Amino acid sequence: MPVAVPALSVPSAGAAFERTTIERRDVGEHDVRIEIAYSGICHSDIHQARAEWGAGLFPMVPGHEIAGVVSEIGSDVTKYAVGDRVGVGCFVDSCRECENCLDGEEQFCLRGMVATYNGKFYDGERTYGGYSTQIVVDENYVLRIPEGLELDVAAPLLCAGITTYSPLRHHGVGPGSRVAVVGMGGLGHMAVQIAHAMGAEVTVLSQSLSKQEDGLRLGADHYFATSDKATFRDLRRSFDLILTTVSADLDLDAYLGMLRLDGAMVFVGLPENPQTFRVFSLTGARRSLAGSNIGGIAETQEMLDFCAEHGIGAVIETIKADEVGDAYERVVHSDVRYRFVIDAATIA
């Protein structure tokens, strides 16, 4: 029988959070029930809870950075056992048949991946996310959190970690690479740590130097303010890869000018407005302008293992359930260093 569990819900777009209960399905043959310990707050939670990316499915329970412990498994589960430390990221199912799914790129499922919240399974059943005390997920879409990673700092890795790891890996970042990270926020502070651990020379490009000390402590070799026009002149043709993690409008021609021959500028931040550039900014040095999303299940597990091996976790501020509304406002005003994480025990 389905189980009613406590959750934090947004009843309508932009409304305040309410304590409620939601139904989690019975554990099927290949399902895992997870007692949620922590759920990270991603900026995309805010966009969707406020219907800023289009109409949402309300009432909505956000949250796709989930860490917890397995409490029950289905009869045919082989990957997990009760007591295992696990996580759930941005999607909980995919078609498993298309070329992208078969290549381990389930996030690009041609039928459309099933989002962890604000989505629907293929049978029409709604999905509800991690701002709750339990979740039931097919074992094939559950990640193992390695020993050495505490659950609270691991939770944001399920989105912020893989969102930055995937493009760094895809573009071959390693020793000798020169990487610039645009923005020093929830995504940016993860990109700095991961690129540094990969062996790259890392530069942070931020509007100001207010977070310089943090950036250098987390692994950046250099830190520059983009509000200073001299930055773009002094760093011309400096980088192999520029990873932009911000949602702000950018002078793309200025940033592209900082790329070396065959360099790439990759978007993981999502500006609301169309972005423009001159094609000459690309053709002059065979540069590329690209985008990236999250990663597939195998790559996300690889990222978790990499972070555990290198001692990488999110820098977090743990909050209680009744602080989530205030936390949303603080995220919007960039008043967090660097990820809010909800203690799920306070939801009950």
Foldseek 3Di string as FASTA:
>chain_A
DWDWFWFWWQQAAPRDTDIDIDTADDAAQQKWKWFWFKFWDDLVQNCQSNCVVHGFDPRAADTFLTWGFTCDHHNNHDPDDGGFIKTAGFAQAAPCPDPCNVVLFRCVHPVHTATQARGADPVGHGHHHDRIGMHMGRPQRMAGQDPQDDRQQRSLCRFLVQLLVVVCVVLPQAAPFEEEEEDDAQNRLNNQLNSQLRRYAYEYEYQDCPCVVVSVVSHHPYYDHVVDVVVLVVQFQPGQEYEYAAQDADQVLSVLRNHHAQHEYEYSHHHPDDHDDDCCSCVVRVYYYYYTGGGGRVVSNVSSVSCSVVVDGADEDEDEPVCVVVVSVCVVVRNTRYIYMYRNVRSD
